[in-house]
Amino acid sequence: KVAVPADLPPLVSEPELRLRAPEDVLRRMLALFVVAIRAESLTGDTP
């Protein structure tokens, strides 16, 4: 029961796709983790 307009367009599909390489995705995930854990620690008493 989530209404969205019928004319919202399709998006990129398989013949057009250029995915990030798995090793780049892993590095990006770890980079996000260190900034997230740093941010979380700043909300407590032991940054």
All heavy atoms as atom14 arrays in JSON, in Angstrom:
{
  "sequence": "KVAVPADLPPLVSEPELRLRAPEDVLRRMLALFVVAIRAESLTGDTP",
  "atom14_mask": [
    [1, 1, 1, 1, 1, 1, 1, 1, 1, 0, 0, 0, 0, 0],
    [1, 1, 1, 1, 1, 1, 1, 0, 0, 0, 0, 0, 0, 0],
    [1, 1, 1, 1, 1, 0, 0, 0, 0, 0, 0, 0, 0, 0],
    [1, 1, 1, 1, 1, 1, 1, 0, 0, 0, 0, 0, 0, 0],
    [1, 1, 1, 1, 1, 1, 1, 0, 0, 0, 0, 0, 0, 0],
    [1, 1, 1, 1, 1, 0, 0, 0, 0, 0, 0, 0, 0, 0],
    [1, 1, 1, 1, 1, 1, 1, 1, 0, 0, 0, 0, 0, 0],
    [1, 1, 1, 1, 1, 1, 1, 1, 0, 0, 0, 0, 0, 0],
    [1, 1, 1, 1, 1, 1, 1, 0, 0, 0, 0, 0, 0, 0],
    [1, 1, 1, 1, 1, 1, 1, 0, 0, 0, 0, 0, 0, 0],
    [1, 1, 1, 1, 1, 1, 1, 1, 0, 0, 0, 0, 0, 0],
    [1, 1, 1, 1, 1, 1, 1, 0, 0, 0, 0, 0, 0, 0],
    [1, 1, 1, 1, 1, 1, 0, 0, 0, 0, 0, 0, 0, 0],
    [1, 1, 1, 1, 1, 1, 1, 1, 1, 0, 0, 0, 0, 0],
    [1, 1, 1, 1, 1, 1, 1, 0, 0, 0, 0, 0, 0, 0],
    [1, 1, 1, 1, 1, 1, 1, 1, 1, 0, 0, 0, 0, 0],
    [1, 1, 1, 1, 1, 1, 1, 1, 0, 0, 0, 0, 0, 0],
    [1, 1, 1, 1, 1, 1, 1, 1, 1, 1, 1, 0, 0, 0],
    [1, 1, 1, 1, 1, 1, 1, 1, 0, 0, 0, 0, 0, 0],
    [1, 1, 1, 1, 1, 1, 1, 1, 1, 1, 1, 0, 0, 0],
    [1, 1, 1, 1, 1, 0, 0, 0, 0, 0, 0, 0, 0, 0],
    [1, 1, 1, 1, 1, 1, 1, 0, 0, 0, 0, 0, 0, 0],
    [1, 1, 1, 1, 1, 1, 1, 1, 1, 0, 0, 0, 0, 0],
    [1, 1, 1, 1, 1, 1, 1, 1, 0, 0, 0, 0, 0, 0],
    [1, 1, 1, 1, 1, 1, 1, 0, 0, 0, 0, 0, 0, 0],
    [1, 1, 1, 1, 1, 1, 1, 1, 0, 0, 0, 0, 0, 0],
    [1, 1, 1, 1, 1, 1, 1, 1, 1, 1, 1, 0, 0, 0],
    [1, 1, 1, 1, 1, 1, 1, 1, 1, 1, 1, 0, 0, 0],
    [1, 1, 1, 1, 1, 1, 1, 1, 0, 0, 0, 0, 0, 0],
    [1, 1, 1, 1, 1, 1, 1, 1, 0, 0, 0, 0, 0, 0],
    [1, 1, 1, 1, 1, 0, 0, 0, 0, 0, 0, 0, 0, 0],
    [1, 1, 1, 1, 1, 1, 1, 1, 0, 0, 0, 0, 0, 0],
    [1, 1, 1, 1, 1, 1, 1, 1, 1, 1, 1, 0, 0, 0],
    [1, 1, 1, 1, 1, 1, 1, 0, 0, 0, 0, 0, 0, 0],
    [1, 1, 1, 1, 1, 1, 1, 0, 0, 0, 0, 0, 0, 0],
    [1, 1, 1, 1, 1, 0, 0, 0, 0, 0, 0, 0, 0, 0],
    [1, 1, 1, 1, 1, 1, 1, 1, 0, 0, 0, 0, 0, 0],
    [1, 1, 1, 1, 1, 1, 1, 1, 1, 1, 1, 0, 0, 0],
    [1, 1, 1, 1, 1, 0, 0, 0, 0, 0, 0, 0, 0, 0],
    [1, 1, 1, 1, 1, 1, 1, 1, 1, 0, 0, 0, 0, 0],
    [1, 1, 1, 1, 1, 1, 0, 0, 0, 0, 0, 0, 0, 0],
    [1, 1, 1, 1, 1, 1, 1, 1, 0, 0, 0, 0, 0, 0],
    [1, 1, 1, 1, 1, 1, 1, 0, 0, 0, 0, 0, 0, 0],
    [1, 1, 1, 1, 0, 0, 0, 0, 0, 0, 0, 0, 0, 0],
    [1, 1, 1, 1, 1, 1, 1, 1, 0, 0, 0, 0, 0, 0],
    [1, 1, 1, 1, 1, 1, 1, 0, 0, 0, 0, 0, 0, 0],
    [1, 1, 1, 1, 1, 1, 1, 0, 0, 0, 0, 0, 0, 0]
  ],
  "atom14_positions": [
    [[0.82, -1.22, 0.0], [0.0, 0.0, 0.0], [0.85, 1.27, 0.0], [0.56, 2.26, 0.69], [-0.97, 0.0, 1.19], [-2.01, -1.11, 1.13], [-3.0, -1.03, 2.26], [-4.19, -1.96, 2.09], [-3.94, -3.22, 1.41], [0.0, 0.0, 0.0], [0.0, 0.0, 0.0], [0.0, 0.0, 0.0], [0.0, 0.0, 0.0], [0.0, 0.0, 0.0]],
    [[1.92, 1.23, -0.79], [2.77, 2.4, -1.0], [2.5, 2.9, -2.41], [2.78, 2.22, -3.39], [4.27, 2.05, -0.85], [5.13, 3.27, -1.13], [4.55, 1.5, 0.55], [0.0, 0.0, 0.0], [0.0, 0.0, 0.0], [0.0, 0.0, 0.0], [0.0, 0.0, 0.0], [0.0, 0.0, 0.0], [0.0, 0.0, 0.0], [0.0, 0.0, 0.0]],
    [[1.92, 4.08, -2.5], [1.53, 4.63, -3.8], [2.65, 5.5, -4.38], [3.14, 6.42, -3.72], [0.25, 5.47, -3.65], [0.0, 0.0, 0.0], [0.0, 0.0, 0.0], [0.0, 0.0, 0.0], [0.0, 0.0, 0.0], [0.0, 0.0, 0.0], [0.0, 0.0, 0.0], [0.0, 0.0, 0.0], [0.0, 0.0, 0.0], [0.0, 0.0, 0.0]],
    [[3.06, 5.19, -5.6], [4.02, 6.01, -6.32], [3.47, 6.23, -7.73], [2.69, 5.41, -8.24], [5.42, 5.36, -6.4], [6.0, 5.13, -5.01], [5.38, 4.05, -7.17], [0.0, 0.0, 0.0], [0.0, 0.0, 0.0], [0.0, 0.0, 0.0], [0.0, 0.0, 0.0], [0.0, 0.0, 0.0], [0.0, 0.0, 0.0], [0.0, 0.0, 0.0]],
    [[3.85, 7.32, -8.4], [3.32, 7.58, -9.74], [3.73, 6.5, -10.74], [4.86, 6.01, -10.7], [3.95, 8.93, -10.12], [4.39, 9.53, -8.83], [4.73, 8.4, -7.93], [0.0, 0.0, 0.0], [0.0, 0.0, 0.0], [0.0, 0.0, 0.0], [0.0, 0.0, 0.0], [0.0, 0.0, 0.0], [0.0, 0.0, 0.0], [0.0, 0.0, 0.0]],
    [[2.82, 6.16, -11.6], [3.11, 5.16, -12.63], [4.19, 5.63, -13.59], [4.88, 4.82, -14.22], [1.84, 4.81, -13.4], [0.0, 0.0, 0.0], [0.0, 0.0, 0.0], [0.0, 0.0, 0.0], [0.0, 0.0, 0.0], [0.0, 0.0, 0.0], [0.0, 0.0, 0.0], [0.0, 0.0, 0.0], [0.0, 0.0, 0.0], [0.0, 0.0, 0.0]],
    [[4.35, 6.97, -13.72], [5.31, 7.48, -14.69], [6.71, 7.69, -14.11], [7.59, 8.22, -14.79], [4.82, 8.77, -15.33], [4.63, 9.9, -14.33], [4.83, 9.67, -13.13], [4.27, 11.02, -14.76], [0.0, 0.0, 0.0], [0.0, 0.0, 0.0], [0.0, 0.0, 0.0], [0.0, 0.0, 0.0], [0.0, 0.0, 0.0], [0.0, 0.0, 0.0]],
    [[6.95, 7.26, -12.85], [8.34, 7.23, -12.4], [9.09, 6.26, -13.31], [8.65, 5.14, -13.52], [8.42, 6.73, -10.95], [8.18, 7.73, -9.82], [8.4, 7.04, -8.48], [9.05, 8.94, -9.95], [0.0, 0.0, 0.0], [0.0, 0.0, 0.0], [0.0, 0.0, 0.0], [0.0, 0.0, 0.0], [0.0, 0.0, 0.0], [0.0, 0.0, 0.0]],
    [[10.22, 6.67, -13.86], [10.84, 5.88, -14.94], [11.51, 4.62, -14.44], [11.8, 4.46, -13.25], [11.88, 6.86, -15.5], [12.28, 7.67, -14.3], [11.0, 7.88, -13.53], [0.0, 0.0, 0.0], [0.0, 0.0, 0.0], [0.0, 0.0, 0.0], [0.0, 0.0, 0.0], [0.0, 0.0, 0.0], [0.0, 0.0, 0.0], [0.0, 0.0, 0.0]],
    [[11.79, 3.7, -15.37], [12.68, 2.58, -15.05], [14.07, 3.13, -14.73], [14.38, 4.29, -14.98], [12.69, 1.75, -16.33], [11.5, 2.2, -17.1], [11.3, 3.64, -16.76], [0.0, 0.0, 0.0], [0.0, 0.0, 0.0], [0.0, 0.0, 0.0], [0.0, 0.0, 0.0], [0.0, 0.0, 0.0], [0.0, 0.0, 0.0], [0.0, 0.0, 0.0]],
    [[14.92, 2.25, -14.2], [16.29, 2.63, -13.88], [17.27, 1.81, -14.72], [16.86, 1.06, -15.61], [16.56, 2.43, -12.39], [15.68, 3.23, -11.42], [16.1, 2.95, -9.98], [15.73, 4.73, -11.71], [0.0, 0.0, 0.0], [0.0, 0.0, 0.0], [0.0, 0.0, 0.0], [0.0, 0.0, 0.0], [0.0, 0.0, 0.0], [0.0, 0.0, 0.0]],
    [[18.53, 1.94, -14.42], [19.57, 1.19, -15.11], [19.26, -0.31, -15.02], [18.72, -0.79, -14.02], [20.95, 1.52, -14.51], [21.03, 1.1, -13.05], [22.07, 0.88, -15.3], [0.0, 0.0, 0.0], [0.0, 0.0, 0.0], [0.0, 0.0, 0.0], [0.0, 0.0, 0.0], [0.0, 0.0, 0.0], [0.0, 0.0, 0.0], [0.0, 0.0, 0.0]],
    [[19.58, -1.05, -16.08], [19.32, -2.49, -16.09], [20.56, -3.25, -16.56], [21.6, -2.65, -16.86], [18.12, -2.81, -17.0], [18.41, -2.46, -18.34], [0.0, 0.0, 0.0], [0.0, 0.0, 0.0], [0.0, 0.0, 0.0], [0.0, 0.0, 0.0], [0.0, 0.0, 0.0], [0.0, 0.0, 0.0], [0.0, 0.0, 0.0], [0.0, 0.0, 0.0]],
    [[20.44, -4.57, -16.62], [21.59, -5.43, -16.84], [22.46, -5.06, -18.05], [23.69, -5.04, -17.92], [21.15, -6.9, -16.94], [20.76, -7.54, -15.62], [19.3, -7.32, -15.24], [18.66, -6.39, -15.82], [18.79, -8.04, -14.38], [0.0, 0.0, 0.0], [0.0, 0.0, 0.0], [0.0, 0.0, 0.0], [0.0, 0.0, 0.0], [0.0, 0.0, 0.0]],
    [[21.88, -4.79, -19.24], [22.75, -4.51, -20.38], [23.55, -3.22, -20.26], [24.53, -3.02, -20.98], [21.75, -4.41, -21.56], [20.51, -5.07, -21.09], [20.46, -4.84, -19.62], [0.0, 0.0, 0.0], [0.0, 0.0, 0.0], [0.0, 0.0, 0.0], [0.0, 0.0, 0.0], [0.0, 0.0, 0.0], [0.0, 0.0, 0.0], [0.0, 0.0, 0.0]],
    [[23.13, -2.34, -19.33], [23.79, -1.04, -19.18], [24.73, -0.98, -17.98], [25.45, -0.02, -17.8], [22.72, 0.04, -18.96], [21.61, 0.04, -19.99], [20.41, 0.85, -19.52], [19.8, 0.47, -18.5], [20.09, 1.86, -20.17], [0.0, 0.0, 0.0], [0.0, 0.0, 0.0], [0.0, 0.0, 0.0], [0.0, 0.0, 0.0], [0.0, 0.0, 0.0]],
    [[24.74, -2.02, -17.16], [25.32, -1.95, -15.83], [26.84, -1.94, -15.84], [27.48, -2.67, -16.57], [24.82, -3.14, -15.0], [25.14, -3.15, -13.51], [24.57, -1.92, -12.82], [24.59, -4.42, -12.88], [0.0, 0.0, 0.0], [0.0, 0.0, 0.0], [0.0, 0.0, 0.0], [0.0, 0.0, 0.0], [0.0, 0.0, 0.0], [0.0, 0.0, 0.0]],
    [[27.4, -1.1, -14.95], [28.84, -1.1, -14.67], [29.01, -1.12, -13.15], [29.08, -0.08, -12.51], [29.52, 0.15, -15.24], [29.6, 0.19, -16.76], [30.45, 1.34, -17.23], [29.93, 2.63, -16.75], [30.68, 3.57, -16.19], [31.97, 3.37, -15.99], [30.14, 4.7, -15.8], [0.0, 0.0, 0.0], [0.0, 0.0, 0.0], [0.0, 0.0, 0.0]],
    [[29.04, -2.29, -12.58], [29.12, -2.42, -11.13], [30.53, -2.12, -10.62], [31.53, -2.3, -11.33], [28.76, -3.85, -10.72], [27.29, -4.19, -10.54], [27.15, -5.68, -10.24], [26.64, -3.36, -9.45], [0.0, 0.0, 0.0], [0.0, 0.0, 0.0], [0.0, 0.0, 0.0], [0.0, 0.0, 0.0], [0.0, 0.0, 0.0], [0.0, 0.0, 0.0]],
    [[30.6, -1.67, -9.38], [31.9, -1.54, -8.71], [32.51, -2.92, -8.52], [31.8, -3.93, -8.37], [31.72, -0.89, -7.35], [31.05, 0.46, -7.36], [31.98, 1.56, -7.73], [31.26, 2.85, -7.79], [31.84, 4.01, -8.07], [33.14, 4.06, -8.33], [31.13, 5.12, -8.1], [0.0, 0.0, 0.0], [0.0, 0.0, 0.0], [0.0, 0.0, 0.0]],
    [[33.82, -2.98, -8.52], [34.51, -4.24, -8.29], [34.34, -4.68, -6.83], [34.28, -3.83, -5.93], [36.0, -4.08, -8.61], [0.0, 0.0, 0.0], [0.0, 0.0, 0.0], [0.0, 0.0, 0.0], [0.0, 0.0, 0.0], [0.0, 0.0, 0.0], [0.0, 0.0, 0.0], [0.0, 0.0, 0.0], [0.0, 0.0, 0.0], [0.0, 0.0, 0.0]],
    [[34.24, -6.0, -6.57], [34.03, -6.47, -5.19], [35.06, -5.95, -4.2], [34.71, -5.57, -3.08], [34.1, -7.99, -5.34], [33.73, -8.26, -6.76], [34.24, -7.09, -7.55], [0.0, 0.0, 0.0], [0.0, 0.0, 0.0], [0.0, 0.0, 0.0], [0.0, 0.0, 0.0], [0.0, 0.0, 0.0], [0.0, 0.0, 0.0], [0.0, 0.0, 0.0]],
    [[36.33, -5.9, -4.59], [37.36, -5.42, -3.66], [37.17, -3.93, -3.34], [37.44, -3.48, -2.22], [38.77, -5.67, -4.21], [39.04, -5.11, -5.58], [38.7, -6.08, -6.71], [37.86, -6.98, -6.49], [39.27, -5.92, -7.81], [0.0, 0.0, 0.0], [0.0, 0.0, 0.0], [0.0, 0.0, 0.0], [0.0, 0.0, 0.0], [0.0, 0.0, 0.0]],
    [[36.65, -3.16, -4.31], [36.37, -1.74, -4.05], [35.18, -1.59, -3.11], [35.15, -0.68, -2.27], [36.1, -1.01, -5.36], [37.34, -0.91, -6.25], [38.46, -0.96, -5.7], [37.19, -0.8, -7.48], [0.0, 0.0, 0.0], [0.0, 0.0, 0.0], [0.0, 0.0, 0.0], [0.0, 0.0, 0.0], [0.0, 0.0, 0.0], [0.0, 0.0, 0.0]],
    [[34.19, -2.47, -3.25], [33.03, -2.44, -2.37], [33.45, -2.77, -0.94], [33.01, -2.13, 0.02], [31.94, -3.41, -2.85], [30.74, -3.39, -1.9], [31.49, -3.04, -4.27], [0.0, 0.0, 0.0], [0.0, 0.0, 0.0], [0.0, 0.0, 0.0], [0.0, 0.0, 0.0], [0.0, 0.0, 0.0], [0.0, 0.0, 0.0], [0.0, 0.0, 0.0]],
    [[34.33, -3.76, -0.79], [34.8, -4.13, 0.54], [35.58, -2.98, 1.18], [35.38, -2.65, 2.36], [35.67, -5.38, 0.45], [36.28, -5.88, 1.77], [35.2, -6.13, 2.81], [37.08, -7.15, 1.52], [0.0, 0.0, 0.0], [0.0, 0.0, 0.0], [0.0, 0.0, 0.0], [0.0, 0.0, 0.0], [0.0, 0.0, 0.0], [0.0, 0.0, 0.0]],
    [[36.47, -2.35, 0.43], [37.22, -1.21, 0.97], [36.29, -0.07, 1.37], [36.48, 0.58, 2.39], [38.24, -0.73, -0.06], [39.43, -1.66, -0.25], [40.52, -1.0, -1.08], [41.63, -1.9, -1.29], [41.76, -2.7, -2.34], [40.83, -2.71, -3.28], [42.8, -3.49, -2.47], [0.0, 0.0, 0.0], [0.0, 0.0, 0.0], [0.0, 0.0, 0.0]],
    [[35.28, 0.17, 0.55], [34.33, 1.25, 0.86], [33.54, 0.9, 2.11], [33.3, 1.77, 2.98], [33.37, 1.44, -0.34], [32.28, 2.5, -0.09], [32.68, 3.83, -0.65], [33.86, 4.42, -0.09], [33.88, 5.25, 0.95], [32.77, 5.57, 1.57], [34.99, 5.78, 1.37], [0.0, 0.0, 0.0], [0.0, 0.0, 0.0], [0.0, 0.0, 0.0]],
    [[33.15, -0.36, 2.26], [32.42, -0.77, 3.46], [33.27, -0.55, 4.7], [32.79, -0.03, 5.72], [32.02, -2.25, 3.34], [31.16, -2.77, 4.49], [32.12, -3.4, 5.9], [32.75, -4.94, 5.23], [0.0, 0.0, 0.0], [0.0, 0.0, 0.0], [0.0, 0.0, 0.0], [0.0, 0.0, 0.0], [0.0, 0.0, 0.0], [0.0, 0.0, 0.0]],
    [[34.55, -0.91, 4.65], [35.43, -0.74, 5.81], [35.68, 0.74, 6.11], [35.76, 1.14, 7.27], [36.75, -1.46, 5.57], [36.67, -2.99, 5.52], [38.01, -3.58, 5.13], [36.21, -3.56, 6.86], [0.0, 0.0, 0.0], [0.0, 0.0, 0.0], [0.0, 0.0, 0.0], [0.0, 0.0, 0.0], [0.0, 0.0, 0.0], [0.0, 0.0, 0.0]],
    [[35.79, 1.56, 5.07], [35.97, 2.99, 5.28], [34.75, 3.58, 5.98], [34.87, 4.38, 6.92], [36.21, 3.7, 3.94], [0.0, 0.0, 0.0], [0.0, 0.0, 0.0], [0.0, 0.0, 0.0], [0.0, 0.0, 0.0], [0.0, 0.0, 0.0], [0.0, 0.0, 0.0], [0.0, 0.0, 0.0], [0.0, 0.0, 0.0], [0.0, 0.0, 0.0]],
    [[33.58, 3.18, 5.54], [32.35, 3.64, 6.19], [32.3, 3.18, 7.64], [31.83, 3.92, 8.53], [31.12, 3.12, 5.44], [30.86, 3.73, 4.06], [29.77, 2.95, 3.34], [30.49, 5.2, 4.16], [0.0, 0.0, 0.0], [0.0, 0.0, 0.0], [0.0, 0.0, 0.0], [0.0, 0.0, 0.0], [0.0, 0.0, 0.0], [0.0, 0.0, 0.0]],
    [[32.8, 1.99, 7.89], [32.74, 1.46, 9.25], [33.6, 2.28, 10.2], [33.19, 2.58, 11.33], [33.16, -0.01, 9.27], [33.16, -0.6, 10.65], [32.0, -0.71, 11.39], [34.35, -1.03, 11.22], [32.0, -1.24, 12.67], [34.37, -1.57, 12.5], [33.19, -1.67, 13.22], [0.0, 0.0, 0.0], [0.0, 0.0, 0.0], [0.0, 0.0, 0.0]],
    [[34.81, 2.64, 9.78], [35.67, 3.37, 10.72], [35.11, 4.76, 11.03], [35.23, 5.23, 12.16], [37.14, 3.46, 10.23], [37.77, 2.09, 10.15], [37.26, 4.2, 8.91], [0.0, 0.0, 0.0], [0.0, 0.0, 0.0], [0.0, 0.0, 0.0], [0.0, 0.0, 0.0], [0.0, 0.0, 0.0], [0.0, 0.0, 0.0], [0.0, 0.0, 0.0]],
    [[34.47, 5.41, 10.06], [33.89, 6.72, 10.38], [32.63, 6.56, 11.22], [32.35, 7.39, 12.1], [33.61, 7.57, 9.12], [34.92, 7.93, 8.42], [32.66, 6.89, 8.15], [0.0, 0.0, 0.0], [0.0, 0.0, 0.0], [0.0, 0.0, 0.0], [0.0, 0.0, 0.0], [0.0, 0.0, 0.0], [0.0, 0.0, 0.0], [0.0, 0.0, 0.0]],
    [[31.87, 5.48, 10.98], [30.66, 5.26, 11.78], [31.02, 4.92, 13.22], [30.38, 5.42, 14.16], [29.82, 4.15, 11.15], [0.0, 0.0, 0.0], [0.0, 0.0, 0.0], [0.0, 0.0, 0.0], [0.0, 0.0, 0.0], [0.0, 0.0, 0.0], [0.0, 0.0, 0.0], [0.0, 0.0, 0.0], [0.0, 0.0, 0.0], [0.0, 0.0, 0.0]],
    [[32.02, 4.07, 13.41], [32.38, 3.69, 14.78], [33.02, 4.87, 15.51], [32.84, 5.05, 16.73], [33.29, 2.44, 14.77], [33.25, 1.78, 16.16], [34.71, 2.76, 14.39], [33.92, 0.43, 16.19], [0.0, 0.0, 0.0], [0.0, 0.0, 0.0], [0.0, 0.0, 0.0], [0.0, 0.0, 0.0], [0.0, 0.0, 0.0], [0.0, 0.0, 0.0]],
    [[33.76, 5.71, 14.79], [34.3, 6.94, 15.39], [33.16, 7.86, 15.82], [33.15, 8.38, 16.93], [35.22, 7.63, 14.39], [35.59, 9.08, 14.71], [36.52, 9.21, 15.88], [36.95, 10.61, 16.01], [37.45, 11.13, 17.12], [37.57, 10.38, 18.21], [37.83, 12.39, 17.16], [0.0, 0.0, 0.0], [0.0, 0.0, 0.0], [0.0, 0.0, 0.0]],
    [[32.17, 8.02, 14.95], [31.02, 8.87, 15.29], [30.27, 8.31, 16.49], [29.88, 9.05, 17.4], [30.1, 9.0, 14.09], [0.0, 0.0, 0.0], [0.0, 0.0, 0.0], [0.0, 0.0, 0.0], [0.0, 0.0, 0.0], [0.0, 0.0, 0.0], [0.0, 0.0, 0.0], [0.0, 0.0, 0.0], [0.0, 0.0, 0.0], [0.0, 0.0, 0.0]],
    [[30.07, 6.99, 16.5], [29.35, 6.38, 17.62], [30.1, 6.58, 18.92], [29.5, 6.88, 19.97], [29.15, 4.9, 17.34], [28.32, 4.19, 18.4], [28.14, 2.71, 18.1], [28.79, 2.2, 17.17], [27.36, 2.06, 18.83], [0.0, 0.0, 0.0], [0.0, 0.0, 0.0], [0.0, 0.0, 0.0], [0.0, 0.0, 0.0], [0.0, 0.0, 0.0]],
    [[31.42, 6.45, 18.87], [32.21, 6.6, 20.1], [32.16, 8.02, 20.63], [32.28, 8.24, 21.85], [33.66, 6.17, 19.85], [34.37, 7.16, 19.12], [0.0, 0.0, 0.0], [0.0, 0.0, 0.0], [0.0, 0.0, 0.0], [0.0, 0.0, 0.0], [0.0, 0.0, 0.0], [0.0, 0.0, 0.0], [0.0, 0.0, 0.0], [0.0, 0.0, 0.0]],
    [[31.99, 8.99, 19.76], [31.92, 10.4, 20.18], [30.63, 10.72, 20.92], [30.52, 11.79, 21.54], [32.08, 11.32, 18.97], [33.49, 11.37, 18.36], [33.46, 12.06, 17.0], [34.46, 12.07, 19.31], [0.0, 0.0, 0.0], [0.0, 0.0, 0.0], [0.0, 0.0, 0.0], [0.0, 0.0, 0.0], [0.0, 0.0, 0.0], [0.0, 0.0, 0.0]],
    [[29.66, 9.83, 20.85], [28.42, 10.05, 21.59], [28.52, 9.52, 23.02], [27.6, 9.71, 23.82], [27.22, 9.37, 20.89], [27.4, 7.95, 20.91], [27.09, 9.85, 19.46], [0.0, 0.0, 0.0], [0.0, 0.0, 0.0], [0.0, 0.0, 0.0], [0.0, 0.0, 0.0], [0.0, 0.0, 0.0], [0.0, 0.0, 0.0], [0.0, 0.0, 0.0]],
    [[29.62, 8.83, 23.35], [29.8, 8.27, 24.7], [30.95, 8.93, 25.43], [31.45, 9.99, 25.04], [0.0, 0.0, 0.0], [0.0, 0.0, 0.0], [0.0, 0.0, 0.0], [0.0, 0.0, 0.0], [0.0, 0.0, 0.0], [0.0, 0.0, 0.0], [0.0, 0.0, 0.0], [0.0, 0.0, 0.0], [0.0, 0.0, 0.0], [0.0, 0.0, 0.0]],
    [[31.41, 8.27, 26.46], [32.45, 8.83, 27.32], [33.86, 8.43, 26.92], [34.83, 9.0, 27.43], [32.21, 8.39, 28.78], [30.89, 8.9, 29.33], [30.48, 10.01, 28.91], [30.27, 8.18, 30.15], [0.0, 0.0, 0.0], [0.0, 0.0, 0.0], [0.0, 0.0, 0.0], [0.0, 0.0, 0.0], [0.0, 0.0, 0.0], [0.0, 0.0, 0.0]],
    [[33.99, 7.46, 26.02], [35.33, 6.98, 25.64], [35.49, 6.99, 24.12], [35.38, 5.95, 23.48], [35.56, 5.56, 26.19], [34.49, 4.7, 25.73], [35.59, 5.56, 27.71], [0.0, 0.0, 0.0], [0.0, 0.0, 0.0], [0.0, 0.0, 0.0], [0.0, 0.0, 0.0], [0.0, 0.0, 0.0], [0.0, 0.0, 0.0], [0.0, 0.0, 0.0]],
    [[35.74, 8.17, 23.55], [35.92, 8.25, 22.1], [37.1, 7.39, 21.63], [38.12, 7.3, 22.3], [36.19, 9.73, 21.85], [35.65, 10.43, 23.06], [35.84, 9.47, 24.2], [0.0, 0.0, 0.0], [0.0, 0.0, 0.0], [0.0, 0.0, 0.0], [0.0, 0.0, 0.0], [0.0, 0.0, 0.0], [0.0, 0.0, 0.0], [0.0, 0.0, 0.0]]
  ]
}
